[in-house]
């Protein structure tokens, strides 16, 4: 029986990829690191950073010309997420559109995320 294709762990919109590439060129970094950490009033916060190389157990995803690192502990929390870059008259920021997110605090800085269920097929 053929296995169905795995969804990409994390993807970037064109706007997010363009902004990440601009920042990475200025910093001289080769990877975008995304993940989650405990914190905030809703329980978790998204994190983004830049890295020169993967850490042990990192998942490496390439999307839209960007190499993305995801810590193994964050995989089930971020599975299927799309990172966008929004520009409004009041701010410019990266935004996670995560199908596993169930709630967010009023200020938008922290979220509640239910881990994705691993497919047994």
N, C-alpha and C. Protein backbone atom coordinates (compact mmCIF):
# COMPACT_ATOMS: atom_id res chain seq x y z
N UNK A 1 0.84 -1.18 0.00
CA UNK A 1 0.00 0.00 0.00
C UNK A 1 0.89 1.24 0.00
N UNK A 2 0.61 2.15 -0.90
CA UNK A 2 1.39 3.38 -0.99
C UNK A 2 1.01 4.33 0.14
N UNK A 3 2.01 4.94 0.70
CA UNK A 3 1.76 5.92 1.76
C UNK A 3 1.38 7.25 1.14
N UNK A 4 0.48 7.93 1.79
CA UNK A 4 0.12 9.25 1.30
C UNK A 4 1.26 10.21 1.64
N UNK A 5 1.43 11.26 0.84
CA UNK A 5 2.53 12.20 1.10
C UNK A 5 2.33 12.91 2.44
N UNK A 6 3.45 13.09 3.13
CA UNK A 6 3.40 13.82 4.40
C UNK A 6 3.25 15.30 4.13
N UNK A 7 2.40 15.98 4.92
CA UNK A 7 2.31 17.43 4.75
C UNK A 7 3.62 18.08 5.20
N UNK A 8 3.93 19.23 4.63
CA UNK A 8 5.13 19.95 5.08
C UNK A 8 4.92 20.37 6.52
N UNK A 9 5.96 20.25 7.27
CA UNK A 9 5.90 20.61 8.69
C UNK A 9 5.55 22.07 8.88
N UNK A 10 6.28 22.95 8.20
CA UNK A 10 6.07 24.39 8.28
C UNK A 10 6.30 24.96 6.88
N UNK A 11 5.44 25.89 6.47
CA UNK A 11 5.64 26.57 5.20
C UNK A 11 5.64 28.08 5.41
N UNK A 12 6.16 28.78 4.43
CA UNK A 12 6.23 30.24 4.47
C UNK A 12 5.44 30.82 3.30
N UNK A 13 4.69 31.88 3.54
CA UNK A 13 4.07 32.59 2.43
C UNK A 13 5.18 33.29 1.65
N UNK A 14 4.85 33.77 0.48
CA UNK A 14 5.84 34.51 -0.31
C UNK A 14 6.36 35.72 0.44
N UNK A 15 5.46 36.45 1.11
CA UNK A 15 5.86 37.65 1.87
C UNK A 15 6.80 37.29 3.01
N UNK A 16 6.50 36.22 3.73
CA UNK A 16 7.37 35.80 4.84
C UNK A 16 8.72 35.35 4.33
N UNK A 17 8.72 34.56 3.26
CA UNK A 17 10.00 34.06 2.71
C UNK A 17 10.87 35.22 2.23
N UNK A 18 10.27 36.19 1.57
CA UNK A 18 11.03 37.35 1.10
C UNK A 18 11.66 38.09 2.27
N UNK A 19 10.88 38.34 3.32
CA UNK A 19 11.41 39.08 4.48
C UNK A 19 12.49 38.27 5.20
N UNK A 20 12.29 36.95 5.36
CA UNK A 20 13.28 36.10 6.01
C UNK A 20 14.59 36.11 5.21
N UNK A 21 14.49 35.98 3.89
CA UNK A 21 15.70 36.00 3.07
C UNK A 21 16.45 37.33 3.21
N UNK A 22 15.71 38.45 3.26
CA UNK A 22 16.34 39.77 3.45
C UNK A 22 17.10 39.82 4.78
N UNK A 23 16.45 39.38 5.84
CA UNK A 23 17.08 39.40 7.17
C UNK A 23 18.28 38.47 7.21
N UNK A 24 18.13 37.28 6.63
CA UNK A 24 19.23 36.30 6.66
C UNK A 24 20.44 36.80 5.88
N UNK A 25 20.22 37.50 4.78
CA UNK A 25 21.34 38.09 4.02
C UNK A 25 22.08 39.10 4.87
N UNK A 26 21.35 39.93 5.61
CA UNK A 26 21.98 40.94 6.47
C UNK A 26 22.72 40.31 7.64
N UNK A 27 22.17 39.24 8.20
CA UNK A 27 22.78 38.60 9.37
C UNK A 27 23.85 37.58 8.97
N UNK A 28 23.81 37.10 7.73
CA UNK A 28 24.74 36.07 7.30
C UNK A 28 24.38 34.69 7.83
N UNK A 29 23.12 34.49 8.19
CA UNK A 29 22.66 33.20 8.72
C UNK A 29 22.16 32.33 7.58
N UNK A 30 22.23 31.01 7.79
CA UNK A 30 21.79 30.09 6.76
C UNK A 30 20.45 29.44 7.02
N UNK A 31 19.93 29.53 8.25
CA UNK A 31 18.71 28.82 8.62
C UNK A 31 17.79 29.72 9.44
N UNK A 32 16.49 29.51 9.27
CA UNK A 32 15.49 30.10 10.13
C UNK A 32 15.08 29.02 11.13
N UNK A 33 15.13 29.33 12.42
CA UNK A 33 14.70 28.38 13.44
C UNK A 33 13.33 28.82 13.97
N UNK A 34 12.35 27.89 13.96
CA UNK A 34 11.03 28.17 14.52
C UNK A 34 10.72 27.12 15.57
N UNK A 35 9.91 27.51 16.54
CA UNK A 35 9.54 26.57 17.59
C UNK A 35 8.50 27.17 18.51
N UNK A 36 8.30 26.53 19.63
CA UNK A 36 7.40 27.00 20.67
C UNK A 36 8.09 26.87 22.01
N UNK A 37 7.65 27.68 22.96
CA UNK A 37 8.14 27.56 24.33
C UNK A 37 6.99 27.82 25.27
N UNK A 38 7.09 27.31 26.47
CA UNK A 38 6.08 27.57 27.48
C UNK A 38 6.18 29.03 27.91
N UNK A 39 5.02 29.68 28.04
CA UNK A 39 5.03 31.06 28.49
C UNK A 39 3.76 31.78 28.12
N UNK A 40 3.60 32.95 28.67
CA UNK A 40 2.44 33.78 28.38
C UNK A 40 1.20 33.28 29.10
N UNK A 41 0.15 34.07 29.03
CA UNK A 41 -1.08 33.73 29.76
C UNK A 41 -1.87 32.61 29.11
N UNK A 42 -1.64 32.31 27.82
CA UNK A 42 -2.37 31.23 27.16
C UNK A 42 -1.58 29.91 27.18
N UNK A 43 -0.33 29.93 27.63
CA UNK A 43 0.41 28.70 27.82
C UNK A 43 1.64 28.51 26.96
N UNK A 44 1.64 29.00 25.70
CA UNK A 44 2.79 28.81 24.83
C UNK A 44 3.03 30.07 23.99
N UNK A 45 4.27 30.20 23.53
CA UNK A 45 4.63 31.31 22.65
C UNK A 45 5.41 30.76 21.48
N UNK A 46 5.19 31.34 20.30
CA UNK A 46 5.98 30.98 19.13
C UNK A 46 7.34 31.66 19.25
N UNK A 47 8.37 30.99 18.77
CA UNK A 47 9.70 31.60 18.75
C UNK A 47 10.28 31.49 17.35
N UNK A 48 11.05 32.50 16.98
CA UNK A 48 11.76 32.53 15.72
C UNK A 48 13.16 33.07 16.00
N UNK A 49 14.14 32.47 15.33
CA UNK A 49 15.52 32.91 15.47
C UNK A 49 16.26 32.51 14.21
N UNK A 50 17.48 32.89 14.10
CA UNK A 50 18.31 32.53 12.96
C UNK A 50 19.47 31.70 13.46
N UNK A 51 19.92 30.74 12.65
CA UNK A 51 20.98 29.82 13.06
C UNK A 51 21.94 29.58 11.91
N UNK A 52 23.15 29.20 12.28
CA UNK A 52 24.17 28.88 11.27
C UNK A 52 24.16 27.41 10.88
N UNK A 53 23.65 26.55 11.78
CA UNK A 53 23.65 25.11 11.51
C UNK A 53 22.56 24.44 12.34
N UNK A 54 22.08 23.27 11.89
CA UNK A 54 21.08 22.53 12.68
C UNK A 54 21.68 21.99 13.97
N UNK A 55 20.84 21.87 14.98
CA UNK A 55 21.19 21.19 16.23
C UNK A 55 20.83 19.71 16.08
N UNK A 56 21.38 18.84 16.93
CA UNK A 56 20.97 17.43 16.87
C UNK A 56 19.45 17.32 17.05
N UNK A 57 18.83 16.47 16.28
CA UNK A 57 17.40 16.17 16.32
C UNK A 57 16.51 17.24 15.69
N UNK A 58 17.07 18.32 15.15
CA UNK A 58 16.26 19.30 14.44
C UNK A 58 15.67 18.66 13.19
N UNK A 59 14.44 19.02 12.88
CA UNK A 59 13.85 18.69 11.58
C UNK A 59 14.23 19.83 10.64
N UNK A 60 14.65 19.49 9.43
CA UNK A 60 15.04 20.51 8.46
C UNK A 60 14.03 20.47 7.31
N UNK A 61 13.42 21.62 7.05
CA UNK A 61 12.43 21.77 5.99
C UNK A 61 12.91 22.89 5.09
N UNK A 62 12.81 22.70 3.79
CA UNK A 62 13.12 23.79 2.87
C UNK A 62 11.84 24.21 2.18
N UNK A 63 11.51 25.49 2.26
CA UNK A 63 10.30 26.01 1.64
C UNK A 63 10.54 27.41 1.12
N UNK A 64 10.15 27.64 -0.10
CA UNK A 64 10.18 28.98 -0.67
C UNK A 64 11.57 29.61 -0.61
N UNK A 65 12.60 28.77 -0.78
CA UNK A 65 13.97 29.25 -0.78
C UNK A 65 14.58 29.48 0.59
N UNK A 66 13.92 29.02 1.65
CA UNK A 66 14.42 29.20 3.02
C UNK A 66 14.57 27.83 3.68
N UNK A 67 15.71 27.62 4.34
CA UNK A 67 15.91 26.40 5.12
C UNK A 67 15.42 26.67 6.55
N UNK A 68 14.44 25.86 6.97
CA UNK A 68 13.79 26.06 8.26
C UNK A 68 14.16 24.92 9.20
N UNK A 69 14.55 25.26 10.43
CA UNK A 69 14.86 24.28 11.46
C UNK A 69 13.72 24.27 12.48
N UNK A 70 13.27 23.06 12.82
CA UNK A 70 12.23 22.90 13.84
C UNK A 70 12.74 21.92 14.88
N UNK A 71 12.81 22.34 16.14
CA UNK A 71 13.21 21.47 17.23
C UNK A 71 12.26 20.29 17.29
N UNK A 72 12.80 19.10 17.50
CA UNK A 72 12.00 17.87 17.52
C UNK A 72 10.84 17.96 18.52
N UNK A 73 11.03 18.68 19.63
CA UNK A 73 9.97 18.80 20.65
C UNK A 73 8.81 19.67 20.18
N UNK A 74 9.01 20.47 19.12
CA UNK A 74 7.97 21.37 18.64
C UNK A 74 7.22 20.83 17.43
N UNK A 75 7.66 19.70 16.87
CA UNK A 75 7.10 19.19 15.62
C UNK A 75 5.59 19.02 15.69
N UNK A 76 5.07 18.31 16.67
CA UNK A 76 3.64 18.06 16.73
C UNK A 76 2.82 19.31 17.05
N UNK A 77 3.46 20.33 17.61
CA UNK A 77 2.76 21.58 17.88
C UNK A 77 2.68 22.46 16.62
N UNK A 78 3.64 22.31 15.71
CA UNK A 78 3.72 23.19 14.54
C UNK A 78 3.29 22.53 13.23
N UNK A 79 3.01 21.25 13.23
CA UNK A 79 2.68 20.52 12.01
C UNK A 79 1.57 21.21 11.23
N UNK A 80 1.86 21.57 9.99
CA UNK A 80 0.88 22.21 9.13
C UNK A 80 0.82 23.72 9.24
N UNK A 81 1.70 24.33 10.04
CA UNK A 81 1.68 25.79 10.23
C UNK A 81 2.18 26.53 8.98
N UNK A 82 1.60 27.69 8.77
CA UNK A 82 2.03 28.59 7.70
C UNK A 82 2.46 29.90 8.37
N UNK A 83 3.69 30.33 8.08
CA UNK A 83 4.18 31.58 8.64
C UNK A 83 4.00 32.67 7.58
N UNK A 84 3.35 33.76 7.97
CA UNK A 84 3.10 34.88 7.07
C UNK A 84 3.82 36.11 7.62
N UNK A 85 3.97 37.13 6.78
CA UNK A 85 4.54 38.41 7.21
C UNK A 85 3.51 39.48 6.88
N UNK A 86 2.99 40.14 7.91
CA UNK A 86 1.95 41.15 7.75
C UNK A 86 2.51 42.54 7.94
N UNK A 87 2.07 43.44 7.08
CA UNK A 87 2.42 44.86 7.23
C UNK A 87 1.11 45.64 7.27
N UNK A 88 0.91 46.38 8.37
CA UNK A 88 -0.26 47.24 8.51
C UNK A 88 0.26 48.64 8.85
N UNK A 89 -0.62 49.62 8.90
CA UNK A 89 -0.16 50.96 9.28
C UNK A 89 0.46 51.02 10.68
N UNK A 90 0.13 50.05 11.55
CA UNK A 90 0.63 50.09 12.92
C UNK A 90 1.76 49.11 13.22
N UNK A 91 1.97 48.11 12.37
CA UNK A 91 3.03 47.13 12.67
C UNK A 91 3.44 46.33 11.44
N UNK A 92 4.58 45.71 11.56
CA UNK A 92 5.05 44.71 10.59
C UNK A 92 5.54 43.55 11.43
N UNK A 93 4.97 42.35 11.18
CA UNK A 93 5.35 41.22 12.03
C UNK A 93 5.08 39.90 11.33
N UNK A 94 5.77 38.86 11.83
CA UNK A 94 5.52 37.50 11.38
C UNK A 94 4.33 36.95 12.16
N UNK A 95 3.48 36.19 11.49
CA UNK A 95 2.28 35.63 12.09
C UNK A 95 2.22 34.14 11.77
N UNK A 96 1.96 33.32 12.79
CA UNK A 96 1.79 31.89 12.60
C UNK A 96 0.31 31.57 12.40
N UNK A 97 -0.02 30.93 11.30
CA UNK A 97 -1.36 30.39 11.07
C UNK A 97 -1.25 28.89 11.29
N UNK A 98 -1.66 28.45 12.48
CA UNK A 98 -1.40 27.09 12.94
C UNK A 98 -2.72 26.34 13.14
N UNK A 99 -2.93 25.23 12.40
CA UNK A 99 -4.18 24.48 12.57
C UNK A 99 -4.31 23.81 13.93
N UNK A 100 -3.24 23.73 14.68
CA UNK A 100 -3.25 23.10 16.01
C UNK A 100 -3.51 24.10 17.13
N UNK A 101 -3.55 25.38 16.80
CA UNK A 101 -3.80 26.43 17.80
C UNK A 101 -5.28 26.48 18.12
N UNK A 102 -5.61 26.44 19.38
CA UNK A 102 -7.02 26.44 19.79
C UNK A 102 -7.46 27.73 20.45
N UNK A 103 -6.50 28.57 20.88
CA UNK A 103 -6.86 29.80 21.57
C UNK A 103 -5.65 30.73 21.56
N UNK A 104 -5.89 32.01 21.82
CA UNK A 104 -4.82 32.99 21.95
C UNK A 104 -5.22 34.00 23.01
N UNK A 105 -4.23 34.59 23.65
CA UNK A 105 -4.53 35.61 24.65
C UNK A 105 -4.95 36.89 23.94
N UNK A 106 -5.47 37.82 24.69
CA UNK A 106 -5.97 39.06 24.12
C UNK A 106 -4.92 39.89 23.41
N UNK A 107 -3.69 39.87 23.89
CA UNK A 107 -2.65 40.68 23.26
C UNK A 107 -2.03 39.97 22.06
N UNK A 108 -2.32 38.69 21.90
CA UNK A 108 -1.81 37.95 20.75
C UNK A 108 -0.38 37.45 20.91
N UNK A 109 0.19 37.57 22.09
CA UNK A 109 1.56 37.15 22.30
C UNK A 109 1.70 35.68 22.68
N UNK A 110 0.64 35.09 23.22
CA UNK A 110 0.74 33.67 23.59
C UNK A 110 -0.50 32.94 23.09
N UNK A 111 -0.35 31.62 22.96
CA UNK A 111 -1.39 30.79 22.35
C UNK A 111 -1.54 29.49 23.11
N UNK A 112 -2.66 28.83 22.87
CA UNK A 112 -2.87 27.47 23.34
C UNK A 112 -2.81 26.57 22.11
N UNK A 113 -1.97 25.54 22.18
CA UNK A 113 -1.78 24.64 21.04
C UNK A 113 -1.98 23.21 21.51
N UNK A 114 -2.79 22.46 20.78
CA UNK A 114 -2.97 21.03 21.03
C UNK A 114 -2.08 20.29 20.05
N UNK A 115 -1.21 19.40 20.51
CA UNK A 115 -0.33 18.70 19.56
C UNK A 115 -1.13 17.90 18.53
N UNK A 116 -0.64 17.88 17.30
CA UNK A 116 -1.25 17.09 16.24
C UNK A 116 -1.14 15.62 16.61
N UNK A 117 -2.08 14.84 16.16
CA UNK A 117 -2.03 13.39 16.41
C UNK A 117 -1.21 12.74 15.32
N UNK A 118 -0.21 11.98 15.71
CA UNK A 118 0.64 11.30 14.74
C UNK A 118 -0.18 10.27 13.98
N UNK A 119 -0.03 10.26 12.66
CA UNK A 119 -0.76 9.33 11.79
C UNK A 119 -0.08 7.97 11.87
N UNK A 120 -0.83 6.93 12.18
CA UNK A 120 -0.27 5.58 12.34
C UNK A 120 -0.02 4.88 11.01
N UNK A 121 -0.51 5.45 9.88
CA UNK A 121 -0.35 4.78 8.59
C UNK A 121 1.06 4.87 8.12
